[in-house]
Amino acid sequence: MGRTKLKHANYLSLATYRKTGTEVATPVWFAEEDDVYYVFSAANAGKVKRLRNSGRSRIAACTVSGRVTGDWVDTEAFILDEAEDQEMALAALRRKYGWQMRFTDMMSKLSGKFSQRAYIKVTCIS
């Protein structure tokens, strides 16, 4: 049921783990393709730093404010390093969010932050 709800959600809560084991959940935009979820973030964001230490994660559908609206699904996540993989993730996000993603991209380019993004691949393990 959790994965079905994700297909219709606009946001998902991506929970990553500190070295101490403490969970930190963050609402993010995502795009699902072929049972893989793509997310983007600032490269210096906490979730990215945590994922560099451990790919252990979980996801659930949520609201823009992060209120979870679906079941949690255990996942493994990692940062995409190859340009080809990053382009695939960006294309998936643009297909899902359309003009909103393109506007976000434009504003990120104007502010110089576009090149400082990290793209994350999330796969379900349960």
N, C-alpha and C. Protein backbone atom coordinates (compact mmCIF):
# COMPACT_ATOMS: atom_id res chain seq x y z
N MET A 1 0.82 -1.20 0.00
CA MET A 1 0.00 0.00 0.00
C MET A 1 0.86 1.26 0.00
N GLY A 2 1.99 1.25 0.71
CA GLY A 2 2.84 2.42 0.79
C GLY A 2 3.37 2.86 -0.56
N ARG A 3 3.77 1.89 -1.39
CA ARG A 3 4.32 2.22 -2.70
C ARG A 3 3.24 2.73 -3.65
N THR A 4 2.01 2.22 -3.52
CA THR A 4 0.91 2.70 -4.35
C THR A 4 0.64 4.16 -4.07
N LYS A 5 0.62 4.54 -2.82
CA LYS A 5 0.37 5.93 -2.45
C LYS A 5 1.48 6.85 -2.97
N LEU A 6 2.71 6.36 -3.03
CA LEU A 6 3.82 7.16 -3.54
C LEU A 6 3.61 7.56 -4.99
N LYS A 7 3.03 6.68 -5.79
CA LYS A 7 2.84 6.96 -7.21
C LYS A 7 1.99 8.21 -7.43
N HIS A 8 1.12 8.53 -6.47
CA HIS A 8 0.20 9.65 -6.64
C HIS A 8 0.60 10.87 -5.81
N ALA A 9 1.69 10.77 -5.10
CA ALA A 9 2.12 11.87 -4.21
C ALA A 9 2.95 12.90 -4.97
N ASN A 10 2.92 14.14 -4.50
CA ASN A 10 3.78 15.18 -5.04
C ASN A 10 5.08 15.30 -4.26
N TYR A 11 5.06 14.84 -3.01
CA TYR A 11 6.24 14.91 -2.15
C TYR A 11 6.44 13.58 -1.47
N LEU A 12 7.68 13.30 -1.18
CA LEU A 12 7.94 12.16 -0.31
C LEU A 12 8.86 12.60 0.81
N SER A 13 8.72 11.93 1.91
CA SER A 13 9.59 12.17 3.04
C SER A 13 10.75 11.19 2.90
N LEU A 14 11.94 11.73 2.76
CA LEU A 14 13.15 10.92 2.66
C LEU A 14 13.84 10.94 4.00
N ALA A 15 13.87 9.79 4.64
CA ALA A 15 14.51 9.67 5.95
C ALA A 15 15.90 9.07 5.76
N THR A 16 16.90 9.78 6.26
CA THR A 16 18.28 9.31 6.24
C THR A 16 18.74 9.22 7.69
N TYR A 17 19.91 8.64 7.90
CA TYR A 17 20.35 8.36 9.26
C TYR A 17 21.72 8.96 9.57
N ARG A 18 21.79 9.59 10.73
CA ARG A 18 23.07 10.10 11.23
C ARG A 18 23.92 8.91 11.66
N LYS A 19 25.20 9.17 11.88
CA LYS A 19 26.11 8.12 12.35
C LYS A 19 25.64 7.54 13.68
N THR A 20 24.94 8.34 14.47
CA THR A 20 24.43 7.88 15.77
C THR A 20 23.21 6.98 15.63
N GLY A 21 22.66 6.89 14.41
CA GLY A 21 21.45 6.10 14.17
C GLY A 21 20.18 6.91 14.22
N THR A 22 20.28 8.20 14.55
CA THR A 22 19.11 9.07 14.60
C THR A 22 18.59 9.32 13.19
N GLU A 23 17.29 9.14 13.03
CA GLU A 23 16.65 9.37 11.73
C GLU A 23 16.34 10.85 11.54
N VAL A 24 16.57 11.34 10.31
CA VAL A 24 16.23 12.71 9.95
C VAL A 24 15.42 12.64 8.66
N ALA A 25 14.17 13.08 8.71
CA ALA A 25 13.28 13.03 7.55
C ALA A 25 13.11 14.42 6.95
N THR A 26 13.09 14.46 5.63
CA THR A 26 12.97 15.72 4.89
C THR A 26 11.99 15.55 3.74
N PRO A 27 11.02 16.48 3.57
CA PRO A 27 10.14 16.40 2.40
C PRO A 27 10.90 16.84 1.14
N VAL A 28 10.73 16.08 0.06
CA VAL A 28 11.44 16.38 -1.19
C VAL A 28 10.53 16.10 -2.38
N TRP A 29 10.85 16.77 -3.50
CA TRP A 29 10.25 16.41 -4.78
C TRP A 29 10.91 15.12 -5.22
N PHE A 30 10.18 14.31 -5.97
CA PHE A 30 10.74 13.06 -6.47
C PHE A 30 10.04 12.66 -7.76
N ALA A 31 10.70 11.83 -8.51
CA ALA A 31 10.10 11.24 -9.70
C ALA A 31 10.38 9.75 -9.67
N GLU A 32 9.36 8.96 -9.95
CA GLU A 32 9.50 7.51 -9.96
C GLU A 32 9.52 7.01 -11.40
N GLU A 33 10.49 6.18 -11.70
CA GLU A 33 10.56 5.52 -13.00
C GLU A 33 11.15 4.14 -12.81
N ASP A 34 10.44 3.14 -13.32
CA ASP A 34 10.93 1.76 -13.27
C ASP A 34 11.30 1.33 -11.85
N ASP A 35 10.44 1.64 -10.89
CA ASP A 35 10.64 1.26 -9.49
C ASP A 35 11.86 1.90 -8.84
N VAL A 36 12.33 3.00 -9.41
CA VAL A 36 13.42 3.78 -8.84
C VAL A 36 12.90 5.19 -8.61
N TYR A 37 13.29 5.79 -7.50
CA TYR A 37 12.87 7.15 -7.18
C TYR A 37 14.07 8.06 -7.29
N TYR A 38 13.89 9.20 -7.98
CA TYR A 38 14.95 10.19 -8.14
C TYR A 38 14.60 11.43 -7.35
N VAL A 39 15.59 11.97 -6.67
CA VAL A 39 15.44 13.15 -5.82
C VAL A 39 16.61 14.07 -6.12
N PHE A 40 16.42 15.37 -5.94
CA PHE A 40 17.56 16.28 -6.04
C PHE A 40 17.64 17.11 -4.77
N SER A 41 18.84 17.62 -4.51
CA SER A 41 19.09 18.38 -3.29
C SER A 41 20.33 19.23 -3.49
N ALA A 42 20.50 20.19 -2.62
CA ALA A 42 21.77 20.92 -2.60
C ALA A 42 22.86 19.92 -2.20
N ALA A 43 23.99 19.98 -2.88
CA ALA A 43 25.06 19.01 -2.64
C ALA A 43 25.60 19.08 -1.21
N ASN A 44 25.45 20.23 -0.56
CA ASN A 44 25.98 20.36 0.81
C ASN A 44 24.89 20.16 1.88
N ALA A 45 23.72 19.68 1.47
CA ALA A 45 22.63 19.45 2.42
C ALA A 45 22.95 18.28 3.34
N GLY A 46 22.36 18.30 4.51
CA GLY A 46 22.58 17.25 5.49
C GLY A 46 22.25 15.86 4.98
N LYS A 47 21.14 15.73 4.23
CA LYS A 47 20.76 14.41 3.73
C LYS A 47 21.83 13.84 2.81
N VAL A 48 22.45 14.70 2.02
CA VAL A 48 23.51 14.25 1.11
C VAL A 48 24.73 13.80 1.91
N LYS A 49 25.08 14.57 2.90
CA LYS A 49 26.21 14.19 3.76
C LYS A 49 25.94 12.86 4.46
N ARG A 50 24.71 12.70 4.96
CA ARG A 50 24.37 11.45 5.63
C ARG A 50 24.40 10.27 4.67
N LEU A 51 23.94 10.47 3.43
CA LEU A 51 23.94 9.38 2.45
C LEU A 51 25.35 8.99 2.03
N ARG A 52 26.28 9.91 2.11
CA ARG A 52 27.67 9.57 1.79
C ARG A 52 28.23 8.59 2.84
N ASN A 53 27.69 8.63 4.05
CA ASN A 53 28.11 7.71 5.10
C ASN A 53 27.36 6.38 5.05
N SER A 54 26.09 6.44 4.70
CA SER A 54 25.27 5.23 4.68
C SER A 54 24.08 5.43 3.75
N GLY A 55 23.82 4.44 2.91
CA GLY A 55 22.68 4.50 2.00
C GLY A 55 21.38 4.07 2.65
N ARG A 56 21.44 3.69 3.91
CA ARG A 56 20.22 3.27 4.63
C ARG A 56 19.24 4.44 4.65
N SER A 57 18.00 4.16 4.24
CA SER A 57 17.00 5.22 4.19
C SER A 57 15.62 4.59 4.17
N ARG A 58 14.62 5.44 4.19
CA ARG A 58 13.25 5.00 4.00
C ARG A 58 12.46 6.18 3.46
N ILE A 59 11.34 5.88 2.81
CA ILE A 59 10.52 6.91 2.20
C ILE A 59 9.05 6.67 2.51
N ALA A 60 8.29 7.76 2.48
CA ALA A 60 6.83 7.70 2.64
C ALA A 60 6.24 8.92 1.93
N ALA A 61 5.04 8.79 1.43
CA ALA A 61 4.33 9.93 0.87
C ALA A 61 4.13 10.95 1.99
N CYS A 62 4.19 12.24 1.62
CA CYS A 62 4.00 13.28 2.63
C CYS A 62 3.48 14.55 1.98
N THR A 63 3.15 15.51 2.83
CA THR A 63 2.73 16.84 2.37
C THR A 63 3.97 17.71 2.19
N VAL A 64 3.78 18.89 1.65
CA VAL A 64 4.89 19.81 1.45
C VAL A 64 5.58 20.15 2.77
N SER A 65 4.84 20.12 3.87
CA SER A 65 5.41 20.44 5.17
C SER A 65 6.08 19.24 5.84
N GLY A 66 5.96 18.05 5.20
CA GLY A 66 6.60 16.87 5.74
C GLY A 66 5.71 15.95 6.55
N ARG A 67 4.40 16.27 6.66
CA ARG A 67 3.49 15.39 7.40
C ARG A 67 3.29 14.12 6.58
N VAL A 68 3.68 13.00 7.13
CA VAL A 68 3.61 11.71 6.44
C VAL A 68 2.16 11.30 6.24
N THR A 69 1.83 10.90 5.00
CA THR A 69 0.46 10.53 4.64
C THR A 69 0.37 9.08 4.15
N GLY A 70 1.47 8.38 4.16
CA GLY A 70 1.47 6.99 3.70
C GLY A 70 2.38 6.14 4.57
N ASP A 71 2.49 4.90 4.20
CA ASP A 71 3.33 3.96 4.95
C ASP A 71 4.80 4.17 4.59
N TRP A 72 5.65 3.92 5.55
CA TRP A 72 7.10 3.97 5.30
C TRP A 72 7.53 2.73 4.53
N VAL A 73 8.48 2.93 3.62
CA VAL A 73 9.05 1.85 2.83
C VAL A 73 10.56 1.91 3.02
N ASP A 74 11.18 0.80 3.40
CA ASP A 74 12.63 0.76 3.56
C ASP A 74 13.30 0.84 2.20
N THR A 75 14.36 1.65 2.14
CA THR A 75 15.04 1.89 0.87
C THR A 75 16.54 1.96 1.07
N GLU A 76 17.22 1.97 -0.06
CA GLU A 76 18.64 2.25 -0.09
C GLU A 76 18.82 3.40 -1.07
N ALA A 77 19.61 4.38 -0.70
CA ALA A 77 19.79 5.56 -1.54
C ALA A 77 21.26 5.86 -1.73
N PHE A 78 21.58 6.41 -2.88
CA PHE A 78 22.96 6.83 -3.10
C PHE A 78 23.01 8.01 -4.06
N ILE A 79 24.10 8.74 -3.98
CA ILE A 79 24.32 9.93 -4.79
C ILE A 79 24.75 9.49 -6.18
N LEU A 80 24.14 10.07 -7.20
CA LEU A 80 24.53 9.78 -8.57
C LEU A 80 25.74 10.64 -8.95
N ASP A 81 26.82 9.99 -9.32
CA ASP A 81 28.06 10.70 -9.65
C ASP A 81 28.26 10.91 -11.14
N GLU A 82 27.71 10.03 -11.95
CA GLU A 82 27.91 10.10 -13.40
C GLU A 82 26.95 11.11 -14.03
N ALA A 83 27.47 11.94 -14.93
CA ALA A 83 26.65 12.97 -15.59
C ALA A 83 25.45 12.37 -16.30
N GLU A 84 25.62 11.23 -16.93
CA GLU A 84 24.53 10.57 -17.65
C GLU A 84 23.39 10.20 -16.69
N ASP A 85 23.75 9.68 -15.53
CA ASP A 85 22.75 9.31 -14.52
C ASP A 85 22.05 10.55 -13.97
N GLN A 86 22.80 11.61 -13.75
CA GLN A 86 22.22 12.87 -13.25
C GLN A 86 21.25 13.44 -14.27
N GLU A 87 21.59 13.38 -15.54
CA GLU A 87 20.70 13.88 -16.60
C GLU A 87 19.41 13.06 -16.65
N MET A 88 19.53 11.74 -16.45
CA MET A 88 18.35 10.88 -16.44
C MET A 88 17.43 11.26 -15.27
N ALA A 89 18.02 11.52 -14.11
CA ALA A 89 17.24 11.91 -12.93
C ALA A 89 16.55 13.25 -13.18
N LEU A 90 17.29 14.22 -13.72
CA LEU A 90 16.72 15.54 -14.00
C LEU A 90 15.58 15.43 -15.02
N ALA A 91 15.76 14.62 -16.04
CA ALA A 91 14.71 14.44 -17.05
C ALA A 91 13.45 13.85 -16.42
N ALA A 92 13.61 12.90 -15.52
CA ALA A 92 12.45 12.30 -14.84
C ALA A 92 11.73 13.34 -14.00
N LEU A 93 12.48 14.16 -13.28
CA LEU A 93 11.88 15.21 -12.46
C LEU A 93 11.16 16.25 -13.33
N ARG A 94 11.74 16.58 -14.48
CA ARG A 94 11.09 17.54 -15.39
C ARG A 94 9.81 16.97 -15.98
N ARG A 95 9.82 15.67 -16.27
CA ARG A 95 8.59 15.05 -16.79
C ARG A 95 7.47 15.10 -15.75
N LYS A 96 7.82 14.88 -14.49
CA LYS A 96 6.80 14.86 -13.45
C LYS A 96 6.31 16.27 -13.10
N TYR A 97 7.23 17.19 -12.90
CA TYR A 97 6.85 18.52 -12.37
C TYR A 97 6.73 19.60 -13.44
N GLY A 98 7.11 19.28 -14.68
CA GLY A 98 6.91 20.19 -15.80
C GLY A 98 7.46 21.59 -15.56
N TRP A 99 6.59 22.59 -15.74
CA TRP A 99 7.03 23.99 -15.65
C TRP A 99 7.59 24.33 -14.28
N GLN A 100 7.09 23.67 -13.23
CA GLN A 100 7.59 23.97 -11.88
C GLN A 100 9.07 23.59 -11.76
N MET A 101 9.44 22.45 -12.32
CA MET A 101 10.84 22.03 -12.26
C MET A 101 11.69 22.92 -13.15
N ARG A 102 11.18 23.27 -14.31
CA ARG A 102 11.95 24.15 -15.22
C ARG A 102 12.16 25.54 -14.58
N PHE A 103 11.14 26.03 -13.89
CA PHE A 103 11.27 27.31 -13.19
C PHE A 103 12.32 27.19 -12.07
N THR A 104 12.26 26.10 -11.32
CA THR A 104 13.23 25.86 -10.26
C THR A 104 14.64 25.78 -10.85
N ASP A 105 14.78 25.10 -11.98
CA ASP A 105 16.07 25.01 -12.65
C ASP A 105 16.57 26.40 -13.05
N MET A 106 15.68 27.21 -13.64
CA MET A 106 16.07 28.55 -14.09
C MET A 106 16.53 29.40 -12.91
N MET A 107 15.78 29.36 -11.82
CA MET A 107 16.16 30.15 -10.65
C MET A 107 17.48 29.65 -10.06
N SER A 108 17.68 28.35 -10.09
CA SER A 108 18.94 27.78 -9.58
C SER A 108 20.11 28.20 -10.46
N LYS A 109 19.88 28.25 -11.75
CA LYS A 109 20.95 28.70 -12.66
C LYS A 109 21.28 30.17 -12.42
N LEU A 110 20.24 31.00 -12.25
CA LEU A 110 20.47 32.42 -12.01
C LEU A 110 21.22 32.67 -10.71
N SER A 111 20.97 31.84 -9.71
CA SER A 111 21.63 32.02 -8.41
C SER A 111 22.97 31.30 -8.34
N GLY A 112 23.31 30.55 -9.38
CA GLY A 112 24.57 29.83 -9.39
C GLY A 112 24.54 28.51 -8.63
N LYS A 113 23.35 28.06 -8.23
CA LYS A 113 23.26 26.85 -7.42
C LYS A 113 22.95 25.59 -8.23
N PHE A 114 22.63 25.76 -9.51
CA PHE A 114 22.27 24.61 -10.34
C PHE A 114 23.41 23.60 -10.40
N SER A 115 24.61 24.08 -10.55
CA SER A 115 25.77 23.18 -10.65
C SER A 115 26.17 22.60 -9.31
N GLN A 116 25.52 23.05 -8.24
CA GLN A 116 25.84 22.56 -6.90
C GLN A 116 24.79 21.56 -6.40
N ARG A 117 24.04 21.00 -7.31
CA ARG A 117 23.01 20.02 -6.95
C ARG A 117 23.60 18.63 -6.83
N ALA A 118 22.93 17.83 -6.04
CA ALA A 118 23.19 16.40 -5.97
C ALA A 118 21.91 15.70 -6.40
N TYR A 119 22.05 14.64 -7.16
CA TYR A 119 20.91 13.83 -7.56
C TYR A 119 21.04 12.49 -6.84
N ILE A 120 19.92 12.03 -6.31
CA ILE A 120 19.89 10.84 -5.47
C ILE A 120 19.00 9.79 -6.10
N LYS A 121 19.47 8.56 -6.11
CA LYS A 121 18.70 7.42 -6.59
C LYS A 121 18.27 6.59 -5.39
N VAL A 122 16.98 6.33 -5.29
CA VAL A 122 16.42 5.60 -4.15
C VAL A 122 15.75 4.34 -4.67
N THR A 123 16.12 3.19 -4.10
CA THR A 123 15.50 1.94 -4.49
C THR A 123 14.89 1.25 -3.27
N CYS A 124 13.74 0.63 -3.46
CA CYS A 124 13.04 -0.03 -2.37
C CYS A 124 13.68 -1.38 -2.09
N ILE A 125 13.77 -1.71 -0.80
CA ILE A 125 14.32 -3.00 -0.42
C ILE A 125 13.29 -3.86 0.30
N SER A 126 12.08 -3.31 0.47
CA SER A 126 11.03 -4.11 1.10
C SER A 126 9.76 -4.06 0.31
